Each structure stands twice: as C-alpha cells, then as structure tokens.
C-alpha cells in the first residue's frame, strides 16, 4: 500500500489501528532538501574532527 500524508501522527494512528500488519514508513522529501540536510550534517561532522 502506498499512502501520501502530510501529518506523521495520522500515519502513526493508522499503523496502530492495525497491529496485525507490519508497516514500513519512509519519509519522502525533495532532493534539494535532502542535499541541504546532508551538507549540514557533513559540516557538523567535519567540525568535530578538530576537537
């Protein structure tokens, strides 16, 4: 099943409603947002090397 929803709580409620099933939830974000987030994490990680 593929579900599109803007509210993570709604997805959590749906998964809790059907405990006999196993769900995998994967957030889908724009590539631009993913790259920006990864660059922030890389910069943070690289800042730890000097400490």
PDB file of N, CA and C in Angstrom:
ATOM      1  N   UNK A   1       0.851  -1.156   0.000  1.00  0.00           N
ATOM      2  CA  UNK A   1       0.000   0.000   0.000  1.00  0.00           C
ATOM      3  C   UNK A   1       0.900   1.223   0.000  1.00  0.00           C
ATOM      4  N   UNK A   2       0.558   2.220  -0.727  1.00  0.00           N
ATOM      5  CA  UNK A   2       1.264   3.488  -0.762  1.00  0.00           C
ATOM      6  C   UNK A   2       0.320   4.560  -0.259  1.00  0.00           C
ATOM      7  N   UNK A   3       0.774   5.325   0.734  1.00  0.00           N
ATOM      8  CA  UNK A   3      -0.068   6.346   1.341  1.00  0.00           C
ATOM      9  C   UNK A   3       0.675   7.667   1.308  1.00  0.00           C
ATOM     10  N   UNK A   4      -0.032   8.721   0.988  1.00  0.00           N
ATOM     11  CA  UNK A   4       0.542  10.064   0.996  1.00  0.00           C
ATOM     12  C   UNK A   4      -0.164  10.861   2.082  1.00  0.00           C
ATOM     13  N   UNK A   5       0.622  11.446   2.982  1.00  0.00           N
ATOM     14  CA  UNK A   5       0.028  12.171   4.103  1.00  0.00           C
ATOM     15  C   UNK A   5       1.015  13.227   4.589  1.00  0.00           C
ATOM     16  N   UNK A   6       0.512  14.383   4.970  1.00  0.00           N
ATOM     17  CA  UNK A   6       1.363  15.457   5.476  1.00  0.00           C
ATOM     18  C   UNK A   6       1.536  15.409   6.992  1.00  0.00           C
ATOM     19  N   UNK A   7       0.749  14.597   7.669  1.00  0.00           N
ATOM     20  CA  UNK A   7       0.773  14.571   9.129  1.00  0.00           C
ATOM     21  C   UNK A   7       1.284  13.222   9.630  1.00  0.00           C
ATOM     22  N   UNK A   8       2.500  13.188  10.213  1.00  0.00           N
ATOM     23  CA  UNK A   8       3.042  11.919  10.698  1.00  0.00           C
ATOM     24  C   UNK A   8       2.186  11.267  11.778  1.00  0.00           C
ATOM     25  N   UNK A   9       1.465  12.052  12.545  1.00  0.00           N
ATOM     26  CA  UNK A   9       0.606  11.489  13.587  1.00  0.00           C
ATOM     27  C   UNK A   9      -0.524  10.662  12.975  1.00  0.00           C
ATOM     28  N   UNK A  10      -1.045  11.100  11.857  1.00  0.00           N
ATOM     29  CA  UNK A  10      -2.096  10.346  11.172  1.00  0.00           C
ATOM     30  C   UNK A  10      -1.572   8.988  10.725  1.00  0.00           C
ATOM     31  N   UNK A  11      -0.358   8.961  10.216  1.00  0.00           N
ATOM     32  CA  UNK A  11       0.246   7.692   9.801  1.00  0.00           C
ATOM     33  C   UNK A  11       0.457   6.787  11.011  1.00  0.00           C
ATOM     34  N   UNK A  12       0.920   7.357  12.109  1.00  0.00           N
ATOM     35  CA  UNK A  12       1.119   6.575  13.333  1.00  0.00           C
ATOM     36  C   UNK A  12      -0.201   5.982  13.823  1.00  0.00           C
ATOM     37  N   UNK A  13      -1.246   6.768  13.809  1.00  0.00           N
ATOM     38  CA  UNK A  13      -2.564   6.275  14.237  1.00  0.00           C
ATOM     39  C   UNK A  13      -3.030   5.131  13.340  1.00  0.00           C
ATOM     40  N   UNK A  14      -2.842   5.275  12.041  1.00  0.00           N
ATOM     41  CA  UNK A  14      -3.273   4.236  11.105  1.00  0.00           C
ATOM     42  C   UNK A  14      -2.517   2.937  11.369  1.00  0.00           C
ATOM     43  N   UNK A  15      -1.206   3.035  11.543  1.00  0.00           N
ATOM     44  CA  UNK A  15      -0.403   1.837  11.808  1.00  0.00           C
ATOM     45  C   UNK A  15      -0.785   1.202  13.138  1.00  0.00           C
ATOM     46  N   UNK A  16      -1.120   2.006  14.127  1.00  0.00           N
ATOM     47  CA  UNK A  16      -1.527   1.490  15.440  1.00  0.00           C
ATOM     48  C   UNK A  16      -2.895   0.832  15.388  1.00  0.00           C
ATOM     49  N   UNK A  17      -3.700   1.248  14.440  1.00  0.00           N
ATOM     50  CA  UNK A  17      -5.057   0.729  14.318  1.00  0.00           C
ATOM     51  C   UNK A  17      -5.046  -0.719  13.805  1.00  0.00           C
ATOM     52  N   UNK A  18      -3.979  -1.095  13.101  1.00  0.00           N
ATOM     53  CA  UNK A  18      -3.912  -2.424  12.501  1.00  0.00           C
ATOM     54  C   UNK A  18      -2.643  -3.145  12.976  1.00  0.00           C
ATOM     55  N   UNK A  19      -2.610  -3.559  14.241  1.00  0.00           N
ATOM     56  CA  UNK A  19      -1.378  -4.128  14.798  1.00  0.00           C
ATOM     57  C   UNK A  19      -0.985  -5.484  14.221  1.00  0.00           C
ATOM     58  N   UNK A  20      -1.887  -6.149  13.517  1.00  0.00           N
ATOM     59  CA  UNK A  20      -1.564  -7.461  12.942  1.00  0.00           C
ATOM     60  C   UNK A  20      -0.671  -7.326  11.707  1.00  0.00           C
ATOM     61  N   UNK A  21      -0.569  -6.123  11.160  1.00  0.00           N
ATOM     62  CA  UNK A  21       0.240  -5.894   9.967  1.00  0.00           C
ATOM     63  C   UNK A  21       1.556  -5.231  10.352  1.00  0.00           C
ATOM     64  N   UNK A  22       2.559  -5.412   9.517  1.00  0.00           N
ATOM     65  CA  UNK A  22       3.858  -4.766   9.718  1.00  0.00           C
ATOM     66  C   UNK A  22       3.983  -3.655   8.679  1.00  0.00           C
ATOM     67  N   UNK A  23       4.242  -2.462   9.156  1.00  0.00           N
ATOM     68  CA  UNK A  23       4.348  -1.308   8.266  1.00  0.00           C
ATOM     69  C   UNK A  23       5.779  -0.802   8.237  1.00  0.00           C
ATOM     70  N   UNK A  24       6.187  -0.292   7.110  1.00  0.00           N
ATOM     71  CA  UNK A  24       7.438   0.434   6.976  1.00  0.00           C
ATOM     72  C   UNK A  24       7.079   1.818   6.471  1.00  0.00           C
ATOM     73  N   UNK A  25       7.511   2.829   7.203  1.00  0.00           N
ATOM     74  CA  UNK A  25       7.200   4.210   6.839  1.00  0.00           C
ATOM     75  C   UNK A  25       8.492   4.887   6.423  1.00  0.00           C
ATOM     76  N   UNK A  26       8.476   5.458   5.235  1.00  0.00           N
ATOM     77  CA  UNK A  26       9.646   6.143   4.703  1.00  0.00           C
ATOM     78  C   UNK A  26       9.248   7.564   4.317  1.00  0.00           C
ATOM     79  N   UNK A  27       9.859   8.555   4.936  1.00  0.00           N
ATOM     80  CA  UNK A  27       9.536   9.930   4.535  1.00  0.00           C
ATOM     81  C   UNK A  27      10.098  10.208   3.142  1.00  0.00           C
ATOM     82  N   UNK A  28       9.357  10.937   2.380  1.00  0.00           N
ATOM     83  CA  UNK A  28       9.789  11.316   1.041  1.00  0.00           C
ATOM     84  C   UNK A  28       9.980  12.827   1.045  1.00  0.00           C
ATOM     85  N   UNK A  29      11.195  13.244   0.718  1.00  0.00           N
ATOM     86  CA  UNK A  29      11.486  14.672   0.687  1.00  0.00           C
ATOM     87  C   UNK A  29      12.103  15.026  -0.660  1.00  0.00           C
ATOM     88  N   UNK A  30      12.079  16.299  -0.979  1.00  0.00           N
ATOM     89  CA  UNK A  30      12.667  16.761  -2.234  1.00  0.00           C
ATOM     90  C   UNK A  30      14.173  16.554  -2.200  1.00  0.00           C
ATOM     91  N   UNK A  31      14.746  16.281  -3.347  1.00  0.00           N
ATOM     92  CA  UNK A  31      16.181  16.045  -3.441  1.00  0.00           C
ATOM     93  C   UNK A  31      16.955  17.261  -2.936  1.00  0.00           C
ATOM     94  N   UNK A  32      16.503  18.450  -3.268  1.00  0.00           N
ATOM     95  CA  UNK A  32      17.191  19.668  -2.835  1.00  0.00           C
ATOM     96  C   UNK A  32      17.246  19.758  -1.309  1.00  0.00           C
ATOM     97  N   UNK A  33      16.153  19.397  -0.654  1.00  0.00           N
ATOM     98  CA  UNK A  33      16.109  19.431   0.809  1.00  0.00           C
ATOM     99  C   UNK A  33      17.035  18.369   1.401  1.00  0.00           C
ATOM    100  N   UNK A  34      17.070  17.196   0.769  1.00  0.00           N
ATOM    101  CA  UNK A  34      17.934  16.117   1.250  1.00  0.00           C
ATOM    102  C   UNK A  34      19.404  16.507   1.140  1.00  0.00           C
ATOM    103  N   UNK A  35      19.782  17.092   0.023  1.00  0.00           N
ATOM    104  CA  UNK A  35      21.175  17.501  -0.167  1.00  0.00           C
ATOM    105  C   UNK A  35      21.556  18.580   0.839  1.00  0.00           C
ATOM    106  N   UNK A  36      20.682  19.556   1.045  1.00  0.00           N
ATOM    107  CA  UNK A  36      20.959  20.617   2.013  1.00  0.00           C
ATOM    108  C   UNK A  36      21.141  20.029   3.408  1.00  0.00           C
ATOM    109  N   UNK A  37      20.303  19.096   3.795  1.00  0.00           N
ATOM    110  CA  UNK A  37      20.425  18.456   5.103  1.00  0.00           C
ATOM    111  C   UNK A  37      21.714  17.663   5.231  1.00  0.00           C
ATOM    112  N   UNK A  38      22.070  16.946   4.170  1.00  0.00           N
ATOM    113  CA  UNK A  38      23.306  16.160   4.206  1.00  0.00           C
ATOM    114  C   UNK A  38      24.527  17.060   4.299  1.00  0.00           C
ATOM    115  N   UNK A  39      24.517  18.183   3.604  1.00  0.00           N
ATOM    116  CA  UNK A  39      25.643  19.119   3.687  1.00  0.00           C
ATOM    117  C   UNK A  39      25.782  19.703   5.094  1.00  0.00           C
ATOM    118  N   UNK A  40      24.663  19.969   5.751  1.00  0.00           N
ATOM    119  CA  UNK A  40      24.707  20.463   7.131  1.00  0.00           C
ATOM    120  C   UNK A  40      25.319  19.421   8.059  1.00  0.00           C
ATOM    121  N   UNK A  41      24.931  18.161   7.880  1.00  0.00           N
ATOM    122  CA  UNK A  41      25.461  17.091   8.723  1.00  0.00           C
ATOM    123  C   UNK A  41      26.945  16.874   8.452  1.00  0.00           C
ATOM    124  N   UNK A  42      27.353  16.944   7.198  1.00  0.00           N
ATOM    125  CA  UNK A  42      28.768  16.788   6.860  1.00  0.00           C
ATOM    126  C   UNK A  42      29.586  17.903   7.496  1.00  0.00           C
ATOM    127  N   UNK A  43      29.097  19.135   7.423  1.00  0.00           N
ATOM    128  CA  UNK A  43      29.802  20.263   8.037  1.00  0.00           C
ATOM    129  C   UNK A  43      29.899  20.081   9.550  1.00  0.00           C
ATOM    130  N   UNK A  44      28.828  19.608  10.179  1.00  0.00           N
ATOM    131  CA  UNK A  44      28.859  19.365  11.627  1.00  0.00           C
ATOM    132  C   UNK A  44      29.875  18.280  11.962  1.00  0.00           C
ATOM    133  N   UNK A  45      29.858  17.183  11.200  1.00  0.00           N
ATOM    134  CA  UNK A  45      30.797  16.080  11.437  1.00  0.00           C
ATOM    135  C   UNK A  45      32.245  16.549  11.278  1.00  0.00           C
ATOM    136  N   UNK A  46      32.500  17.333  10.225  1.00  0.00           N
ATOM    137  CA  UNK A  46      33.855  17.816   9.981  1.00  0.00           C
ATOM    138  C   UNK A  46      34.307  18.773  11.075  1.00  0.00           C
ATOM    139  N   UNK A  47      33.382  19.483  11.704  1.00  0.00           N
ATOM    140  CA  UNK A  47      33.759  20.401  12.790  1.00  0.00           C
ATOM    141  C   UNK A  47      34.202  19.634  14.043  1.00  0.00           C
ATOM    142  N   UNK A  48      33.809  18.376  14.163  1.00  0.00           N
ATOM    143  CA  UNK A  48      34.189  17.569  15.331  1.00  0.00           C
ATOM    144  C   UNK A  48      35.619  17.053  15.220  1.00  0.00           C
ATOM    145  N   UNK A  49      36.153  16.961  14.027  1.00  0.00           N
ATOM    146  CA  UNK A  49      37.488  16.400  13.834  1.00  0.00           C
ATOM    147  C   UNK A  49      38.565  17.230  14.510  1.00  0.00           C
ATOM    148  N   UNK A  50      38.375  18.552  14.597  1.00  0.00           N
ATOM    149  CA  UNK A  50      39.378  19.416  15.187  1.00  0.00           C
ATOM    150  C   UNK A  50      39.322  19.467  16.708  1.00  0.00           C
ATOM    151  N   UNK A  51      38.325  18.835  17.305  1.00  0.00           N
ATOM    152  CA  UNK A  51      38.160  18.931  18.770  1.00  0.00           C
ATOM    153  C   UNK A  51      38.821  17.798  19.477  1.00  0.00           C
TER     154      UNK A  51
END
